[in-house]
Amino acid sequence: MISLDRIHKSYGSLQVLKSISLAVTAGERVVLCGPSGSGKSTLIRCINGLETRTSGQILVNGHELHPNCENIADLNGEVGMVFQQFNLFPHLTVLQNLMLAPRIVRKLSREETRARALRLLERVKIADKADAYPGQLSGGQQQRVAIARALCMQPKVMLFDEPTSALDPEMVKEVLDVMTDLAREGMTMIVVTHEMGFARTVADRVIFMDGGVIVEEDAPASFFARPKHPRTKEFLRQVYEHIH
């Protein structure tokens, strides 16, 4: 579903990604973790064309994304993205936020788009907020709307960039529950997160990045119980200390 081959990304002399190669199969759930500045968010932003790359090849569902991303429209909304900050349009209602892109990009009828949007709001347990504005919602509710909005384009892949890090602790679970349901339904997902409980229970593979490279990757059971690289061990130790 996604193939990255030797992806490099530089800002001037600063190398943010250094020859990253990664393949994600359809239905696979991959969690990216690592310290701030390790390149995780830049990597997933390259996959959906929000960042151009310096070199390397990106394929999404068989479509090659050009290095300057000018053919991003060819992907036709196959990659959905959910951000740390919810990025909802404040002047549009929840329902209007969901309907906007499918109407413009996919050229769907108003009736079809509205029916799909209402189904998705039901799915993320927020159907009663269809006519509310983002400013009237809690952070957790806004993030669930953002997930529904991304799903409204019927993407083949969902990318999540630290979707719970801006939320109050009691709102984290409601967003993770929606993401877990998506995973159970077989959605291909790449998730940048520090939520190690989610990684342990939902991921097929956990990837640890540091300094713009993939340091270690493994199935969750092995990754958490028997990390091999000293840098991974140190990162997990710090995460557990923070939790406790």
Protein backbone atom coordinates (compact mmCIF):
# COMPACT_ATOMS: atom_id res chain seq x y z
CA MET A 1 0.00 0.00 0.00
CA ILE A 2 2.88 2.37 0.84
CA SER A 3 6.46 2.03 -0.31
CA LEU A 4 9.23 4.44 0.69
CA ASP A 5 12.63 3.94 -0.91
CA ARG A 6 15.66 5.83 0.44
CA ILE A 7 13.80 8.99 1.43
CA HIS A 8 16.02 11.96 2.21
CA LYS A 9 14.78 15.32 3.45
CA SER A 10 16.99 18.31 4.17
CA TYR A 11 16.36 21.90 5.19
CA GLY A 12 19.57 23.53 3.98
CA SER A 13 22.39 21.75 5.79
CA LEU A 14 20.02 20.11 8.29
CA GLN A 15 19.26 16.49 7.37
CA VAL A 16 15.87 15.57 8.82
CA LEU A 17 15.40 12.20 7.08
CA LYS A 18 18.37 10.05 6.10
CA SER A 19 17.68 7.27 3.59
CA ILE A 20 14.41 5.97 5.08
CA SER A 21 13.03 2.84 3.40
CA LEU A 22 9.73 1.40 4.58
CA ALA A 23 6.94 -0.76 3.18
CA VAL A 24 3.44 -0.87 4.68
CA THR A 25 1.01 -3.51 3.45
CA ALA A 26 -2.75 -3.08 3.09
CA GLY A 27 -4.47 -3.38 6.47
CA GLU A 28 -1.23 -3.04 8.44
CA ARG A 29 -1.07 -0.74 11.47
CA VAL A 30 2.34 0.83 12.02
CA VAL A 31 3.23 3.03 14.99
CA LEU A 32 6.14 5.47 14.69
CA CYS A 33 7.68 6.53 17.98
CA GLY A 34 10.79 8.39 19.01
CA PRO A 35 11.97 11.64 20.58
CA SER A 36 10.94 15.07 19.31
CA GLY A 37 12.93 16.04 16.23
CA SER A 38 13.54 12.45 15.14
CA GLY A 39 11.76 12.95 11.78
CA LYS A 40 8.52 11.05 12.45
CA SER A 41 6.11 13.85 11.52
CA THR A 42 8.21 14.93 8.54
CA LEU A 43 8.11 11.36 7.24
CA ILE A 44 4.33 11.04 7.25
CA ARG A 45 3.96 14.57 5.85
CA CYS A 46 6.10 13.46 2.91
CA ILE A 47 3.73 10.53 2.29
CA ASN A 48 0.71 12.79 1.74
CA GLY A 49 2.55 15.57 -0.08
CA LEU A 50 2.49 18.19 2.68
CA GLU A 51 6.30 18.13 2.56
CA THR A 52 8.46 17.74 -0.51
CA ARG A 53 11.40 15.35 -0.19
CA THR A 54 14.98 15.95 -1.24
CA SER A 55 15.33 12.52 -2.89
CA GLY A 56 13.90 9.02 -2.87
CA GLN A 57 10.73 7.36 -4.17
CA ILE A 58 7.25 7.26 -2.64
CA LEU A 59 4.52 4.96 -3.93
CA VAL A 60 0.98 5.02 -2.52
CA ASN A 61 -1.31 2.25 -3.74
CA GLY A 62 0.76 1.99 -6.93
CA HIS A 63 0.84 5.75 -7.64
CA GLU A 64 4.26 7.41 -7.55
CA LEU A 65 4.26 10.78 -5.82
CA HIS A 66 6.59 13.16 -7.64
CA PRO A 67 9.40 14.70 -5.53
CA ASN A 68 7.85 18.19 -5.79
CA CYS A 69 4.37 16.71 -5.08
CA GLU A 70 2.77 18.49 -8.06
CA ASN A 71 0.85 15.31 -8.93
CA ILE A 72 -0.69 14.94 -5.46
CA ALA A 73 -4.15 15.12 -7.08
CA ASP A 74 -3.40 11.76 -8.76
CA LEU A 75 -3.64 10.13 -5.35
CA ASN A 76 -7.26 11.30 -5.39
CA GLY A 77 -7.68 11.53 -1.65
CA GLU A 78 -6.37 8.00 -0.99
CA VAL A 79 -4.37 9.27 2.00
CA GLY A 80 -6.26 10.76 4.95
CA MET A 81 -4.44 12.80 7.59
CA VAL A 82 -5.31 13.69 11.17
CA PHE A 83 -3.18 16.35 12.85
CA GLN A 84 -2.15 17.22 16.37
CA GLN A 85 -4.13 20.46 16.12
CA PHE A 86 -7.53 19.59 14.71
CA ASN A 87 -7.40 22.00 11.73
CA LEU A 88 -11.19 22.24 11.44
CA PHE A 89 -12.70 25.25 9.68
CA PRO A 90 -14.11 27.33 12.58
CA HIS A 91 -16.71 29.12 10.45
CA LEU A 92 -18.27 25.86 9.20
CA THR A 93 -20.49 23.49 11.16
CA VAL A 94 -19.29 19.97 11.88
CA LEU A 95 -21.37 18.62 9.01
CA GLN A 96 -20.10 21.29 6.61
CA ASN A 97 -16.50 20.48 7.61
CA LEU A 98 -17.06 16.86 6.60
CA MET A 99 -18.87 17.64 3.35
CA LEU A 100 -16.48 20.22 1.91
CA ALA A 101 -13.67 18.09 0.44
CA PRO A 102 -15.79 15.25 -1.02
CA ARG A 103 -17.96 17.84 -2.81
CA ILE A 104 -14.95 19.72 -4.26
CA VAL A 105 -12.41 16.94 -4.86
CA ARG A 106 -14.58 13.90 -5.50
CA LYS A 107 -17.43 15.91 -7.10
CA LEU A 108 -20.02 13.94 -5.14
CA SER A 109 -23.62 15.06 -4.93
CA ARG A 110 -24.77 16.98 -1.89
CA GLU A 111 -27.18 14.19 -0.91
CA GLU A 112 -24.57 11.43 -1.13
CA THR A 113 -21.98 13.48 0.76
CA ARG A 114 -24.43 14.44 3.49
CA ALA A 115 -25.52 10.82 4.00
CA ARG A 116 -21.89 9.66 4.19
CA ALA A 117 -20.96 12.45 6.61
CA LEU A 118 -23.86 11.64 8.93
CA ARG A 119 -22.92 7.93 8.92
CA LEU A 120 -19.36 8.80 9.88
CA LEU A 121 -20.43 11.14 12.68
CA GLU A 122 -22.51 8.24 14.00
CA ARG A 123 -19.46 5.99 13.74
CA VAL A 124 -17.28 8.34 15.84
CA LYS A 125 -20.17 8.77 18.32
CA ILE A 126 -20.77 12.45 17.72
CA ALA A 127 -23.86 12.51 15.49
CA ASP A 128 -25.65 14.90 17.84
CA LYS A 129 -23.04 17.61 17.08
CA ALA A 130 -23.64 17.78 13.30
CA ASP A 131 -24.92 21.37 13.42
CA ALA A 132 -22.48 22.61 16.08
CA TYR A 133 -19.40 24.69 15.31
CA PRO A 134 -15.89 23.47 16.25
CA GLY A 135 -15.57 26.14 18.94
CA GLN A 136 -18.54 24.62 20.75
CA LEU A 137 -16.85 21.22 21.08
CA SER A 138 -14.30 19.77 23.48
CA GLY A 139 -10.85 18.89 22.17
CA GLY A 140 -11.69 15.20 22.09
CA GLN A 141 -14.87 15.88 20.14
CA GLN A 142 -13.02 18.09 17.67
CA GLN A 143 -10.43 15.38 17.07
CA ARG A 144 -13.17 12.81 16.44
CA VAL A 145 -14.70 15.22 13.91
CA ALA A 146 -11.27 15.55 12.29
CA ILE A 147 -11.04 11.75 11.98
CA ALA A 148 -14.54 11.58 10.48
CA ARG A 149 -13.63 14.37 8.04
CA ALA A 150 -10.59 12.44 6.83
CA LEU A 151 -12.68 9.26 6.47
CA CYS A 152 -15.28 11.12 4.43
CA MET A 153 -12.85 11.04 1.48
CA GLN A 154 -12.81 7.22 1.73
CA PRO A 155 -9.01 7.02 1.96
CA LYS A 156 -7.08 3.77 1.58
CA VAL A 157 -4.55 4.90 4.21
CA MET A 158 -4.92 6.99 7.37
CA LEU A 159 -1.98 8.95 8.78
CA PHE A 160 -2.14 10.25 12.36
CA ASP A 161 0.38 12.84 13.58
CA GLU A 162 0.31 12.72 17.40
CA PRO A 163 -3.51 12.91 17.40
CA THR A 164 -3.84 12.91 21.20
CA SER A 165 -0.94 15.13 22.27
CA ALA A 166 -3.02 18.35 22.34
CA LEU A 167 -5.83 16.75 24.38
CA ASP A 168 -6.58 16.79 28.09
CA PRO A 169 -5.81 13.33 29.57
CA GLU A 170 -9.47 12.42 30.08
CA MET A 171 -10.20 13.04 26.38
CA VAL A 172 -7.40 10.84 25.07
CA LYS A 173 -9.30 7.58 25.50
CA GLU A 174 -12.29 8.64 23.39
CA VAL A 175 -10.00 9.41 20.44
CA LEU A 176 -7.91 6.24 20.87
CA ASP A 177 -11.15 4.20 21.00
CA VAL A 178 -12.16 5.55 17.58
CA MET A 179 -8.69 4.77 16.20
CA THR A 180 -8.81 1.25 17.66
CA ASP A 181 -12.18 0.64 16.01
CA LEU A 182 -10.72 1.81 12.68
CA ALA A 183 -7.82 -0.60 13.09
CA ARG A 184 -10.19 -3.49 13.82
CA GLU A 185 -12.04 -2.72 10.59
CA GLY A 186 -8.81 -3.21 8.64
CA MET A 187 -7.80 0.38 7.83
CA THR A 188 -4.16 0.79 6.83
CA MET A 189 -2.72 3.18 9.43
CA ILE A 190 0.54 4.91 10.22
CA VAL A 191 0.38 6.55 13.63
CA VAL A 192 2.94 8.90 15.17
CA THR A 193 2.26 8.69 18.89
CA HIS A 194 3.70 8.44 22.39
CA GLU A 195 0.69 6.38 23.51
CA MET A 196 2.58 3.14 24.15
CA GLY A 197 -0.54 1.32 25.37
CA PHE A 198 -2.14 1.93 21.96
CA ALA A 199 1.06 0.79 20.21
CA ARG A 200 1.18 -2.37 22.30
CA THR A 201 -2.43 -3.40 21.68
CA VAL A 202 -3.19 -2.11 18.17
CA ALA A 203 0.04 -1.98 16.13
CA ASP A 204 1.27 -4.81 13.94
CA ARG A 205 4.69 -3.17 13.96
CA VAL A 206 6.39 -0.51 16.07
CA ILE A 207 9.16 1.60 14.51
CA PHE A 208 11.56 3.64 16.64
CA MET A 209 13.14 6.64 14.90
CA ASP A 210 15.95 8.86 16.11
CA GLY A 211 18.11 11.39 14.29
CA GLY A 212 16.27 10.93 10.99
CA VAL A 213 16.84 7.17 10.73
CA ILE A 214 14.92 4.01 11.65
CA VAL A 215 16.83 2.63 14.64
CA GLU A 216 14.69 -0.41 15.35
CA GLU A 217 11.42 -2.03 14.26
CA ASP A 218 9.64 -5.09 15.56
CA ALA A 219 6.29 -6.58 16.52
CA PRO A 220 4.97 -4.92 19.69
CA ALA A 221 5.54 -7.92 21.97
CA SER A 222 9.23 -8.10 21.08
CA PHE A 223 9.71 -4.35 20.80
CA PHE A 224 8.52 -3.63 24.32
CA ALA A 225 9.78 -6.78 26.06
CA ARG A 226 13.14 -7.18 24.32
CA PRO A 227 14.33 -3.95 22.65
CA LYS A 228 17.70 -4.57 21.01
CA HIS A 229 19.25 -1.16 20.45
CA PRO A 230 20.57 0.83 23.47
CA ARG A 231 18.86 3.99 22.16
CA THR A 232 15.49 2.19 22.06
CA LYS A 233 15.97 0.90 25.60
CA GLU A 234 16.77 4.40 26.84
CA PHE A 235 13.72 5.89 25.07
CA LEU A 236 11.37 3.27 26.54
CA ARG A 237 12.88 3.74 30.01
CA GLN A 238 12.15 7.48 29.80
CA VAL A 239 8.60 6.86 28.56
CA TYR A 240 7.87 4.48 31.43
CA GLU A 241 9.37 6.89 33.97
CA HIS A 242 7.11 9.64 32.61
CA ILE A 243 4.06 7.39 32.95
CA HIS A 244 4.90 6.35 36.51
